[in-house]
Structure formats: C-alpha cells, structure tokens
Amino acid sequence: MDPQVLLIIAAMALVTYIPRMAPMVVLSGRSLPPVVMEWLGLLPAALLGALVAQAVLMPEGALDLSLKNPALIPTAVAALAAWRFRSLALTVLSGMAAAGLVRWWLGG
C-alpha cells in the first residue's frame, strides 16, 4: 500500500480519536453542573432531529415542501402518531405504512 495512503488513514484516525478522547481525559473524575448534564442529555435527540429534518425537508439539497417530496407525508404521519400514541412501534408502523402508500400513490 502506498505510504501516503497509510499516512492519510493514520491522520484521519487521529483526527477522529482526539475529539472523542479529549473530553474523557479532561473531565475524568470531575462532576459537571446539573445544567450542563441536562443540556448534554438533550443533545442526542436534537442531533437526530436535525439530521432527520434535513433529510426530509431537503432531499435534493434544496428546501422541498411540495407533495412530490416522498418523505414529507410519511414523516408527518409518523410525527402525529408519535405525539398521539407515544409508542415507538406505532410510530414506526404508521410511518412505514404511510411511506408505502405514498410510494404506491406516486407510482415509485
């Protein structure tokens, strides 16, 4: 294998490893204030929401709120089911059913 490729792989591994390891090394043995712990607890949901929103609302890289956006209606149905029933299973099933119906309706 080319030495330059190995150097690039090693550099990428280091750049990935340092941001993950630094907080554990710096904060080990310390307790964080409750407000910081609460904020950190909200991060996973916020990040997932941002990723889903971008994938649903901007499937081609530009905002698409038209009914031709195949992800818009199933996402709305799943969000409504999640809000109404608070059940992961019903949320997933309703979203999948809506996605199937939208695909059938759009002919794709």
N, C-alpha and C. Protein backbone atom coordinates (compact mmCIF):
# COMPACT_ATOMS: atom_id res chain seq x y z
N MET A 1 0.85 -1.18 0.00
CA MET A 1 0.00 0.00 0.00
C MET A 1 0.89 1.24 0.00
N ASP A 2 0.43 2.24 -0.67
CA ASP A 2 1.17 3.50 -0.80
C ASP A 2 1.35 4.15 0.57
N PRO A 3 2.58 4.58 0.92
CA PRO A 3 2.82 5.22 2.23
C PRO A 3 1.96 6.47 2.44
N GLN A 4 1.67 7.18 1.37
CA GLN A 4 0.85 8.39 1.51
C GLN A 4 -0.58 8.02 1.94
N VAL A 5 -1.10 6.93 1.42
CA VAL A 5 -2.44 6.47 1.80
C VAL A 5 -2.44 6.08 3.27
N LEU A 6 -1.40 5.37 3.72
CA LEU A 6 -1.31 5.00 5.13
C LEU A 6 -1.22 6.23 6.03
N LEU A 7 -0.49 7.24 5.60
CA LEU A 7 -0.39 8.48 6.37
C LEU A 7 -1.74 9.17 6.46
N ILE A 8 -2.47 9.19 5.37
CA ILE A 8 -3.80 9.82 5.38
C ILE A 8 -4.75 9.05 6.30
N ILE A 9 -4.70 7.73 6.26
CA ILE A 9 -5.56 6.92 7.13
C ILE A 9 -5.20 7.16 8.59
N ALA A 10 -3.91 7.20 8.90
CA ALA A 10 -3.47 7.45 10.29
C ALA A 10 -3.90 8.84 10.75
N ALA A 11 -3.77 9.84 9.89
CA ALA A 11 -4.18 11.20 10.25
C ALA A 11 -5.68 11.27 10.48
N MET A 12 -6.45 10.60 9.64
CA MET A 12 -7.91 10.59 9.81
C MET A 12 -8.30 9.89 11.11
N ALA A 13 -7.62 8.82 11.44
CA ALA A 13 -7.89 8.12 12.69
C ALA A 13 -7.57 9.02 13.89
N LEU A 14 -6.48 9.73 13.81
CA LEU A 14 -6.10 10.63 14.90
C LEU A 14 -7.10 11.78 15.06
N VAL A 15 -7.50 12.36 13.94
CA VAL A 15 -8.46 13.46 13.98
C VAL A 15 -9.81 12.98 14.50
N THR A 16 -10.15 11.73 14.27
CA THR A 16 -11.40 11.18 14.80
C THR A 16 -11.26 10.81 16.27
N TYR A 17 -10.12 10.31 16.65
CA TYR A 17 -9.90 9.81 18.02
C TYR A 17 -9.77 10.95 19.03
N ILE A 18 -9.05 12.00 18.70
CA ILE A 18 -8.77 13.08 19.66
C ILE A 18 -10.05 13.75 20.17
N PRO A 19 -10.98 14.17 19.32
CA PRO A 19 -12.19 14.80 19.87
C PRO A 19 -13.05 13.87 20.72
N ARG A 20 -12.94 12.58 20.50
CA ARG A 20 -13.71 11.65 21.31
C ARG A 20 -13.02 11.38 22.65
N MET A 21 -11.71 11.37 22.63
CA MET A 21 -10.96 11.02 23.83
C MET A 21 -10.70 12.22 24.74
N ALA A 22 -10.53 13.41 24.17
CA ALA A 22 -10.17 14.59 24.95
C ALA A 22 -11.15 14.88 26.08
N PRO A 23 -12.48 14.89 25.85
CA PRO A 23 -13.38 15.16 26.97
C PRO A 23 -13.28 14.11 28.08
N MET A 24 -13.07 12.86 27.70
CA MET A 24 -12.97 11.82 28.73
C MET A 24 -11.71 12.01 29.57
N VAL A 25 -10.63 12.41 28.94
CA VAL A 25 -9.38 12.61 29.67
C VAL A 25 -9.48 13.86 30.55
N VAL A 26 -9.98 14.95 29.98
CA VAL A 26 -10.04 16.22 30.71
C VAL A 26 -11.06 16.17 31.84
N LEU A 27 -12.20 15.53 31.62
CA LEU A 27 -13.29 15.56 32.60
C LEU A 27 -13.34 14.35 33.52
N SER A 28 -12.42 13.40 33.36
CA SER A 28 -12.47 12.22 34.22
C SER A 28 -12.26 12.62 35.68
N GLY A 29 -13.12 12.11 36.54
CA GLY A 29 -13.01 12.40 37.96
C GLY A 29 -13.66 13.71 38.37
N ARG A 30 -14.22 14.45 37.44
CA ARG A 30 -14.89 15.72 37.77
C ARG A 30 -16.39 15.55 37.60
N SER A 31 -17.13 16.32 38.38
CA SER A 31 -18.58 16.31 38.20
C SER A 31 -19.00 17.62 37.53
N LEU A 32 -19.89 17.50 36.59
CA LEU A 32 -20.36 18.66 35.86
C LEU A 32 -21.60 19.23 36.54
N PRO A 33 -21.83 20.52 36.38
CA PRO A 33 -23.04 21.13 36.97
C PRO A 33 -24.30 20.48 36.39
N PRO A 34 -25.37 20.44 37.16
CA PRO A 34 -26.61 19.80 36.69
C PRO A 34 -27.13 20.40 35.38
N VAL A 35 -26.99 21.71 35.18
CA VAL A 35 -27.49 22.33 33.95
C VAL A 35 -26.71 21.81 32.74
N VAL A 36 -25.44 21.56 32.89
CA VAL A 36 -24.62 21.02 31.79
C VAL A 36 -25.03 19.57 31.51
N MET A 37 -25.25 18.80 32.55
CA MET A 37 -25.67 17.40 32.38
C MET A 37 -27.04 17.34 31.70
N GLU A 38 -27.94 18.24 32.06
CA GLU A 38 -29.26 18.27 31.42
C GLU A 38 -29.11 18.63 29.94
N TRP A 39 -28.27 19.61 29.65
CA TRP A 39 -28.04 20.04 28.28
C TRP A 39 -27.44 18.90 27.45
N LEU A 40 -26.47 18.21 28.02
CA LEU A 40 -25.84 17.09 27.32
C LEU A 40 -26.84 15.95 27.07
N GLY A 41 -27.79 15.79 27.98
CA GLY A 41 -28.81 14.76 27.82
C GLY A 41 -29.75 15.05 26.66
N LEU A 42 -29.89 16.32 26.29
CA LEU A 42 -30.78 16.71 25.20
C LEU A 42 -30.10 16.64 23.84
N LEU A 43 -28.79 16.56 23.81
CA LEU A 43 -28.06 16.57 22.55
C LEU A 43 -28.42 15.44 21.58
N PRO A 44 -28.51 14.19 22.02
CA PRO A 44 -28.81 13.12 21.05
C PRO A 44 -30.13 13.36 20.31
N ALA A 45 -31.18 13.74 21.02
CA ALA A 45 -32.46 13.98 20.36
C ALA A 45 -32.38 15.17 19.41
N ALA A 46 -31.68 16.22 19.82
CA ALA A 46 -31.56 17.40 18.97
C ALA A 46 -30.78 17.09 17.70
N LEU A 47 -29.70 16.34 17.83
CA LEU A 47 -28.89 15.99 16.65
C LEU A 47 -29.65 15.06 15.71
N LEU A 48 -30.36 14.09 16.26
CA LEU A 48 -31.15 13.19 15.43
C LEU A 48 -32.25 13.97 14.73
N GLY A 49 -32.90 14.87 15.45
CA GLY A 49 -33.94 15.70 14.84
C GLY A 49 -33.40 16.55 13.71
N ALA A 50 -32.21 17.11 13.88
CA ALA A 50 -31.61 17.93 12.83
C ALA A 50 -31.28 17.09 11.60
N LEU A 51 -30.76 15.89 11.81
CA LEU A 51 -30.45 15.01 10.68
C LEU A 51 -31.70 14.58 9.93
N VAL A 52 -32.74 14.22 10.68
CA VAL A 52 -33.99 13.80 10.05
C VAL A 52 -34.64 14.96 9.31
N ALA A 53 -34.65 16.13 9.94
CA ALA A 53 -35.26 17.31 9.30
C ALA A 53 -34.56 17.64 7.99
N GLN A 54 -33.25 17.59 7.99
CA GLN A 54 -32.51 17.88 6.76
C GLN A 54 -32.81 16.83 5.68
N ALA A 55 -32.85 15.58 6.05
CA ALA A 55 -33.11 14.52 5.08
C ALA A 55 -34.53 14.60 4.52
N VAL A 56 -35.48 15.00 5.36
CA VAL A 56 -36.88 15.05 4.93
C VAL A 56 -37.18 16.33 4.17
N LEU A 57 -36.73 17.45 4.68
CA LEU A 57 -37.10 18.74 4.09
C LEU A 57 -36.21 19.15 2.92
N MET A 58 -35.02 18.59 2.84
CA MET A 58 -34.09 18.96 1.77
C MET A 58 -33.51 17.72 1.10
N PRO A 59 -34.36 16.88 0.49
CA PRO A 59 -33.85 15.63 -0.07
C PRO A 59 -32.89 15.81 -1.24
N GLU A 60 -33.02 16.89 -1.98
CA GLU A 60 -32.15 17.15 -3.13
C GLU A 60 -31.19 18.31 -2.86
N GLY A 61 -31.07 18.71 -1.61
CA GLY A 61 -30.17 19.81 -1.26
C GLY A 61 -30.84 21.17 -1.21
N ALA A 62 -32.10 21.23 -1.60
CA ALA A 62 -32.86 22.48 -1.54
C ALA A 62 -34.20 22.18 -0.86
N LEU A 63 -34.74 23.18 -0.20
CA LEU A 63 -35.99 23.01 0.53
C LEU A 63 -37.09 22.54 -0.41
N ASP A 64 -37.77 21.44 -0.04
CA ASP A 64 -38.83 20.88 -0.86
C ASP A 64 -40.03 20.56 0.02
N LEU A 65 -41.01 21.46 0.04
CA LEU A 65 -42.21 21.26 0.84
C LEU A 65 -43.40 20.84 -0.02
N SER A 66 -43.13 20.42 -1.25
CA SER A 66 -44.21 20.02 -2.15
C SER A 66 -44.66 18.60 -1.84
N LEU A 67 -45.83 18.25 -2.36
CA LEU A 67 -46.34 16.89 -2.17
C LEU A 67 -45.57 15.87 -3.00
N LYS A 68 -44.71 16.33 -3.87
CA LYS A 68 -43.86 15.41 -4.64
C LYS A 68 -42.66 14.93 -3.83
N ASN A 69 -42.45 15.52 -2.66
CA ASN A 69 -41.39 15.07 -1.75
C ASN A 69 -41.91 13.80 -1.08
N PRO A 70 -41.37 12.63 -1.42
CA PRO A 70 -41.93 11.37 -0.92
C PRO A 70 -41.75 11.14 0.57
N ALA A 71 -40.92 11.91 1.23
CA ALA A 71 -40.68 11.70 2.66
C ALA A 71 -41.54 12.60 3.53
N LEU A 72 -42.14 13.62 2.96
CA LEU A 72 -42.85 14.63 3.75
C LEU A 72 -44.10 14.07 4.44
N ILE A 73 -44.97 13.42 3.68
CA ILE A 73 -46.22 12.91 4.26
C ILE A 73 -45.96 11.78 5.26
N PRO A 74 -45.12 10.78 4.95
CA PRO A 74 -44.85 9.74 5.95
C PRO A 74 -44.23 10.29 7.24
N THR A 75 -43.39 11.30 7.11
CA THR A 75 -42.80 11.89 8.30
C THR A 75 -43.85 12.59 9.14
N ALA A 76 -44.75 13.29 8.49
CA ALA A 76 -45.83 13.97 9.22
C ALA A 76 -46.74 12.96 9.90
N VAL A 77 -47.05 11.86 9.20
CA VAL A 77 -47.90 10.82 9.78
C VAL A 77 -47.20 10.19 10.99
N ALA A 78 -45.91 9.88 10.86
CA ALA A 78 -45.16 9.28 11.97
C ALA A 78 -45.06 10.25 13.14
N ALA A 79 -44.84 11.53 12.87
CA ALA A 79 -44.76 12.52 13.95
C ALA A 79 -46.09 12.64 14.67
N LEU A 80 -47.19 12.63 13.92
CA LEU A 80 -48.51 12.69 14.53
C LEU A 80 -48.77 11.46 15.39
N ALA A 81 -48.38 10.28 14.89
CA ALA A 81 -48.55 9.05 15.66
C ALA A 81 -47.70 9.07 16.93
N ALA A 82 -46.49 9.57 16.82
CA ALA A 82 -45.62 9.66 18.00
C ALA A 82 -46.21 10.59 19.04
N TRP A 83 -46.74 11.71 18.59
CA TRP A 83 -47.33 12.68 19.53
C TRP A 83 -48.59 12.11 20.16
N ARG A 84 -49.42 11.46 19.35
CA ARG A 84 -50.72 10.99 19.85
C ARG A 84 -50.61 9.75 20.72
N PHE A 85 -49.82 8.76 20.27
CA PHE A 85 -49.80 7.47 20.96
C PHE A 85 -48.59 7.25 21.85
N ARG A 86 -47.52 8.00 21.64
CA ARG A 86 -46.29 7.85 22.43
C ARG A 86 -45.80 6.40 22.45
N SER A 87 -45.86 5.77 21.28
CA SER A 87 -45.45 4.38 21.14
C SER A 87 -44.48 4.29 19.97
N LEU A 88 -43.29 3.76 20.23
CA LEU A 88 -42.31 3.62 19.16
C LEU A 88 -42.82 2.68 18.08
N ALA A 89 -43.43 1.58 18.47
CA ALA A 89 -43.92 0.61 17.50
C ALA A 89 -44.98 1.22 16.59
N LEU A 90 -45.95 1.92 17.16
CA LEU A 90 -46.99 2.54 16.35
C LEU A 90 -46.43 3.66 15.48
N THR A 91 -45.45 4.37 15.99
CA THR A 91 -44.82 5.43 15.21
C THR A 91 -44.14 4.86 13.98
N VAL A 92 -43.34 3.83 14.19
CA VAL A 92 -42.62 3.20 13.07
C VAL A 92 -43.59 2.56 12.08
N LEU A 93 -44.57 1.83 12.59
CA LEU A 93 -45.53 1.17 11.70
C LEU A 93 -46.36 2.17 10.90
N SER A 94 -46.79 3.24 11.54
CA SER A 94 -47.58 4.24 10.81
C SER A 94 -46.72 4.94 9.76
N GLY A 95 -45.48 5.24 10.09
CA GLY A 95 -44.59 5.86 9.12
C GLY A 95 -44.31 4.94 7.94
N MET A 96 -44.10 3.65 8.22
CA MET A 96 -43.85 2.69 7.14
C MET A 96 -45.09 2.52 6.27
N ALA A 97 -46.26 2.44 6.88
CA ALA A 97 -47.49 2.31 6.10
C ALA A 97 -47.71 3.54 5.23
N ALA A 98 -47.49 4.72 5.81
CA ALA A 98 -47.66 5.95 5.03
C ALA A 98 -46.64 6.01 3.90
N ALA A 99 -45.42 5.59 4.15
CA ALA A 99 -44.39 5.59 3.10
C ALA A 99 -44.78 4.64 1.97
N GLY A 100 -45.30 3.47 2.32
CA GLY A 100 -45.74 2.52 1.30
C GLY A 100 -46.88 3.08 0.47
N LEU A 101 -47.84 3.71 1.13
CA LEU A 101 -48.96 4.30 0.40
C LEU A 101 -48.52 5.45 -0.49
N VAL A 102 -47.61 6.28 -0.02
CA VAL A 102 -47.12 7.39 -0.82
C VAL A 102 -46.35 6.86 -2.03
N ARG A 103 -45.53 5.85 -1.83
CA ARG A 103 -44.79 5.26 -2.97
C ARG A 103 -45.77 4.68 -3.99
N TRP A 104 -46.79 4.00 -3.51
CA TRP A 104 -47.78 3.43 -4.41
C TRP A 104 -48.52 4.55 -5.16
N TRP A 105 -48.89 5.59 -4.43
CA TRP A 105 -49.64 6.70 -5.00
C TRP A 105 -48.81 7.45 -6.05
N LEU A 106 -47.51 7.64 -5.76
CA LEU A 106 -46.65 8.35 -6.71
C LEU A 106 -46.13 7.44 -7.83
N GLY A 107 -46.41 6.15 -7.69
CA GLY A 107 -46.01 5.22 -8.73
C GLY A 107 -44.54 4.85 -8.70
N GLY A 108 -43.91 4.93 -7.54
CA GLY A 108 -42.49 4.64 -7.49
C GLY A 108 -42.20 3.56 -6.55
